Protein backbone atom coordinates (compact mmCIF):
# COMPACT_ATOMS: atom_id res chain seq x y z
CA MET A 1 -26.88 15.78 80.13
CA ASP A 2 -24.77 17.99 77.96
CA ASP A 3 -26.32 20.52 75.59
CA PHE A 4 -25.55 18.52 72.43
CA LYS A 5 -27.27 15.37 73.70
CA GLU A 6 -30.24 17.38 74.94
CA LYS A 7 -30.58 19.15 71.57
CA ILE A 8 -30.46 15.85 69.61
CA LEU A 9 -33.02 14.17 71.89
CA THR A 10 -35.33 17.20 71.70
CA ILE A 11 -35.21 17.16 67.90
CA CYS A 12 -35.89 13.41 67.78
CA ASN A 13 -38.80 13.65 70.20
CA GLU A 14 -40.33 16.66 68.41
CA THR A 15 -40.34 14.77 65.09
CA CYS A 16 -42.58 12.10 66.69
CA LYS A 17 -45.61 14.36 66.92
CA GLY A 18 -48.50 13.05 64.83
CA THR A 19 -46.68 9.82 63.91
CA LEU A 20 -46.70 6.14 64.84
CA MET A 21 -44.04 6.93 67.43
CA GLU A 22 -46.46 9.23 69.23
CA THR A 23 -49.22 6.60 68.97
CA LEU A 24 -46.93 4.04 70.64
CA ASP A 25 -45.61 6.62 73.17
CA ILE A 26 -42.01 6.11 72.00
CA THR A 27 -39.57 8.65 73.38
CA TYR A 28 -35.85 9.03 72.76
CA VAL A 29 -33.92 9.04 76.03
CA ASP A 30 -30.18 8.72 75.34
CA VAL A 31 -27.72 9.29 72.53
CA GLY A 32 -23.99 8.71 72.23
CA GLU A 33 -21.22 8.64 69.66
CA ASN A 34 -22.59 5.57 67.85
CA TYR A 35 -25.98 4.78 69.43
CA LEU A 36 -29.49 6.02 70.17
CA VAL A 37 -31.88 4.73 72.85
CA GLY A 38 -35.66 4.94 72.76
CA LYS A 39 -38.22 3.68 75.26
CA MET A 40 -41.81 2.56 74.98
CA PRO A 41 -44.33 1.81 77.75
CA VAL A 42 -45.75 -1.71 77.84
CA THR A 43 -49.50 -1.25 78.28
CA SER A 44 -52.64 -2.86 76.86
CA LYS A 45 -52.28 -0.49 73.88
CA VAL A 46 -49.34 -2.61 72.62
CA TYR A 47 -50.52 -6.06 73.79
CA GLN A 48 -51.29 -9.05 71.67
CA PRO A 49 -54.57 -10.78 72.64
CA ASP A 50 -53.03 -12.84 75.47
CA GLY A 51 -51.81 -9.78 77.38
CA VAL A 52 -48.11 -9.53 76.51
CA LEU A 53 -46.18 -7.08 74.35
CA HIS A 54 -46.91 -7.61 70.66
CA GLY A 55 -43.88 -8.51 68.54
CA GLY A 56 -44.97 -6.02 65.91
CA ALA A 57 -44.83 -3.21 68.46
CA MET A 58 -41.24 -4.23 69.29
CA VAL A 59 -40.34 -4.19 65.59
CA ALA A 60 -41.95 -0.75 65.22
CA LEU A 61 -39.88 0.46 68.20
CA ALA A 62 -36.68 -1.01 66.75
CA GLU A 63 -37.21 0.47 63.29
CA SER A 64 -38.16 3.85 64.76
CA VAL A 65 -34.98 4.02 66.85
CA GLY A 66 -32.70 2.69 64.10
CA SER A 67 -34.12 5.06 61.50
CA ALA A 68 -33.85 8.03 63.87
CA ALA A 69 -30.24 7.03 64.56
CA SER A 70 -29.52 7.02 60.83
CA PHE A 71 -31.05 10.50 60.62
CA ILE A 72 -28.71 11.66 63.43
CA PHE A 73 -25.50 10.05 62.21
CA LEU A 74 -25.87 10.82 58.49
CA ASN A 75 -26.10 14.21 56.82
CA ALA A 76 -29.87 14.65 57.12
CA GLN A 77 -29.68 17.88 55.12
CA GLU A 78 -28.66 15.91 52.04
CA VAL A 79 -30.31 12.48 52.42
CA THR A 80 -33.61 10.85 53.22
CA VAL A 81 -33.39 7.66 55.31
CA ARG A 82 -35.63 4.64 54.75
CA GLY A 83 -35.66 1.23 56.38
CA ILE A 84 -35.25 -1.50 53.74
CA GLU A 85 -35.03 -4.67 55.85
CA ILE A 86 -35.65 -5.62 59.45
CA SER A 87 -35.48 -8.95 61.25
CA ALA A 88 -36.33 -9.72 64.85
CA ASN A 89 -35.92 -12.53 67.34
CA HIS A 90 -38.21 -12.20 70.34
CA VAL A 91 -36.72 -14.09 73.28
CA LYS A 92 -38.81 -13.09 76.30
CA SER A 93 -42.32 -11.75 76.92
CA ILE A 94 -43.19 -8.75 79.02
CA SER A 95 -46.55 -7.38 80.14
CA ASP A 96 -45.77 -4.17 82.03
CA GLY A 97 -43.16 -1.48 82.59
CA PHE A 98 -41.03 -0.13 79.78
CA VAL A 99 -38.90 -1.57 77.02
CA TYR A 100 -35.75 0.15 75.82
CA ALA A 101 -34.32 -0.14 72.30
CA LYS A 102 -30.65 0.67 71.82
CA ALA A 103 -29.56 1.02 68.20
CA ILE A 104 -25.82 0.64 67.64
CA ILE A 105 -24.35 1.12 64.20
CA LEU A 106 -22.49 -1.89 62.80
CA HIS A 107 -21.86 -0.51 59.29
CA LYS A 108 -22.08 3.13 58.21
CA GLY A 109 -21.84 3.17 54.44
CA ARG A 110 -22.68 6.11 52.23
CA THR A 111 -25.69 4.26 50.83
CA THR A 112 -26.61 1.54 53.34
CA GLN A 113 -26.29 1.30 57.08
CA LEU A 114 -26.63 -1.74 59.35
CA TRP A 115 -27.97 -1.43 62.90
CA ASP A 116 -27.95 -3.84 65.83
CA ILE A 117 -30.94 -3.07 68.05
CA LYS A 118 -31.36 -4.78 71.39
CA ILE A 119 -34.67 -4.37 73.22
CA THR A 120 -34.44 -4.82 76.98
CA ASP A 121 -36.60 -4.28 80.04
CA ALA A 122 -35.82 -1.95 82.95
CA ASN A 123 -33.63 -4.68 84.51
CA ASP A 124 -31.59 -5.02 81.28
CA ASN A 125 -33.11 -8.43 80.47
CA LEU A 126 -33.04 -9.11 76.74
CA ILE A 127 -36.57 -9.08 75.28
CA SER A 128 -35.81 -8.95 71.55
CA ILE A 129 -32.89 -8.48 69.22
CA CYS A 130 -33.33 -6.84 65.82
CA LYS A 131 -31.20 -6.12 62.80
CA LEU A 132 -32.17 -3.15 60.64
CA THR A 133 -30.78 -2.09 57.28
CA THR A 134 -31.39 1.49 56.23
CA ILE A 135 -30.71 3.25 52.97
CA ALA A 136 -29.72 6.89 52.49
CA LEU A 137 -31.28 8.38 49.37
CA PRO A 138 -30.26 11.77 48.00
CA LYS A 139 -32.86 14.47 48.57
CA LYS A 140 -34.33 15.89 45.41
């Protein structure tokens, strides 16, 4: 991995300390020109009562990765990023291993951004697909 990618991933992972991302064991594992990838282990900590990954945990993963991507691809020195809408379609259940969320920017406006976030398993099977809208607010 080149130094730039390593630096970005280190910053993203360090900002997770003491947050929901740390609680869910989300780590950022890859970044490119227009995307960010995070992964989360599928354990009983993120199960719904019948022993499969909770849809809310997938949405938390998707919003975490999409919001972190906005932070990376916008001027974070000048703006604060907030998620303003998220939708999810869960298409397959999973009860072990890891899930990977890849956020790809569809629209990069000055104020709003639109992210396509696909959540897959280790074999690249689609588990969930999410759409996230973020807003960039000027820092005060």
